[in-house]
């Protein structure tokens, strides 16, 4: 028994006519939403900017699925930027606090021997 020939050509012919990505679909994969970094910077670094990072990272997937690829990439960049800002603010505040404590200890040590003599109290 023989089968009739395919009027549209064989699958090999269809493959050779493949033109690439379908129109309307992105040519690149979905950008990273940096949600893990956003959550970590919110928990361990500077809280307010960590929240901003989480808000932007949560928008990435929804915008990508809606076909708003440019907005999704912009939201991913903003999420990354705010996670970095949160880490930098935490580092600056930590170094500033350590320096403040060191200065206060040095001032306290230097003032320890410079106490005024007690004033006599009349009875």
Protein backbone atom coordinates (compact mmCIF):
# COMPACT_ATOMS: atom_id res chain seq x y z
CA UNK A 1 0.00 0.00 0.00
CA UNK A 2 1.27 3.44 -0.85
CA UNK A 3 0.26 6.69 0.70
CA UNK A 4 -0.71 9.71 -1.32
CA UNK A 5 1.86 12.43 -1.48
CA UNK A 6 1.44 15.41 0.80
CA UNK A 7 0.05 18.33 -1.23
CA UNK A 8 1.83 20.84 1.04
CA UNK A 9 5.22 19.14 0.74
CA UNK A 10 7.03 17.01 3.24
CA UNK A 11 8.13 18.16 6.66
CA UNK A 12 11.66 18.58 5.35
CA UNK A 13 10.41 21.13 2.82
CA UNK A 14 8.52 23.01 5.53
CA UNK A 15 11.61 23.15 7.70
CA UNK A 16 13.75 24.63 4.95
CA UNK A 17 11.21 27.44 4.58
CA UNK A 18 11.37 28.37 8.24
CA UNK A 19 11.92 32.11 8.53
CA UNK A 20 12.81 32.49 12.19
CA UNK A 21 10.86 33.90 15.10
CA UNK A 22 7.12 34.32 14.77
CA UNK A 23 5.92 37.90 14.55
CA UNK A 24 4.71 39.32 17.84
CA UNK A 25 6.96 37.13 19.95
CA UNK A 26 10.16 38.44 21.52
CA UNK A 27 13.44 37.35 20.00
CA UNK A 28 15.16 37.17 23.39
CA UNK A 29 14.26 35.47 26.68
CA UNK A 30 12.50 37.19 29.54
CA UNK A 31 14.89 39.41 31.54
CA UNK A 32 15.88 38.44 35.06
CA UNK A 33 13.56 40.09 37.55
CA UNK A 34 16.16 40.20 40.40
CA UNK A 35 13.48 39.22 42.91
CA UNK A 36 15.92 37.23 45.07
CA UNK A 37 18.31 40.20 45.28
CA UNK A 38 15.40 42.52 46.03
CA UNK A 39 14.18 40.35 48.90
CA UNK A 40 17.69 39.92 50.33
CA UNK A 41 18.41 43.65 50.22
CA UNK A 42 15.07 44.35 51.87
CA UNK A 43 15.77 41.90 54.68
CA UNK A 44 19.47 42.55 55.30
CA UNK A 45 20.19 46.00 53.87
CA UNK A 46 18.28 49.26 53.67
CA UNK A 47 14.56 48.54 54.06
CA UNK A 48 12.91 51.40 52.05
CA UNK A 49 14.94 50.97 48.87
CA UNK A 50 14.60 47.19 49.17
CA UNK A 51 10.83 47.59 48.95
CA UNK A 52 11.18 49.74 45.82
CA UNK A 53 13.33 47.00 44.30
CA UNK A 54 10.70 44.36 45.10
CA UNK A 55 7.95 46.46 43.52
CA UNK A 56 9.89 46.84 40.26
CA UNK A 57 10.95 43.18 40.17
CA UNK A 58 7.37 42.01 40.60
CA UNK A 59 6.33 43.97 37.49
CA UNK A 60 8.79 42.25 35.13
CA UNK A 61 6.92 38.98 34.49
CA UNK A 62 3.51 40.60 34.16
CA UNK A 63 4.75 43.19 31.67
CA UNK A 64 6.58 40.51 29.67
CA UNK A 65 3.47 38.33 29.44
CA UNK A 66 1.42 41.34 28.29
CA UNK A 67 3.86 41.89 25.43
CA UNK A 68 5.32 45.08 26.86
CA UNK A 69 8.91 43.96 26.38
CA UNK A 70 10.57 47.36 26.65
CA UNK A 71 8.73 48.15 29.88
CA UNK A 72 9.64 44.73 31.29
CA UNK A 73 13.32 45.33 30.55
CA UNK A 74 13.10 48.81 32.10
CA UNK A 75 11.47 47.35 35.24
CA UNK A 76 14.24 44.74 35.46
CA UNK A 77 16.90 47.46 35.21
CA UNK A 78 15.14 49.50 37.92
CA UNK A 79 14.87 46.46 40.21
CA UNK A 80 18.60 45.83 39.83
CA UNK A 81 19.41 49.52 40.35
CA UNK A 82 17.39 49.77 43.58
CA UNK A 83 18.87 46.54 44.95
CA UNK A 84 22.34 47.99 44.37
CA UNK A 85 21.31 51.32 45.94
CA UNK A 86 19.99 49.45 48.97
CA UNK A 87 23.27 47.59 49.41
CA UNK A 88 25.31 50.78 49.01
CA UNK A 89 23.18 52.73 51.51
CA UNK A 90 23.54 49.86 53.99
CA UNK A 91 27.32 49.83 53.54
CA UNK A 92 27.59 53.61 53.99
CA UNK A 93 25.39 53.57 57.10
CA UNK A 94 27.34 50.66 58.58
CA UNK A 95 30.71 52.31 58.01
CA UNK A 96 29.34 55.62 59.34
CA UNK A 97 28.02 53.93 62.49
CA UNK A 98 31.33 52.17 63.11
CA UNK A 99 33.25 55.42 62.66
CA UNK A 100 30.85 57.25 64.97
CA UNK A 101 31.30 54.61 67.70
CA UNK A 102 35.10 54.75 67.34
CA UNK A 103 35.10 58.57 67.59
CA UNK A 104 32.85 58.49 70.66
CA UNK A 105 35.07 55.90 72.36
CA UNK A 106 38.19 57.97 71.64
CA UNK A 107 36.52 61.13 72.95
CA UNK A 108 35.35 59.26 76.05
CA UNK A 109 38.84 57.92 76.73
CA UNK A 110 40.39 61.37 76.31
CA UNK A 111 37.84 63.06 78.56
CA UNK A 112 38.13 60.45 81.29
CA UNK A 113 41.16 62.10 82.88
CA UNK A 114 39.89 65.66 82.38
CA UNK A 115 37.16 65.79 84.96
CA UNK A 116 36.77 69.00 86.97
CA UNK A 117 37.49 68.81 90.68
CA UNK A 118 34.43 68.30 92.82
CA UNK A 119 32.98 71.42 94.37
CA UNK A 120 32.62 71.35 98.11
CA UNK A 121 29.06 71.24 99.31
CA UNK A 122 28.31 73.42 102.34
CA UNK A 123 26.25 71.88 105.14
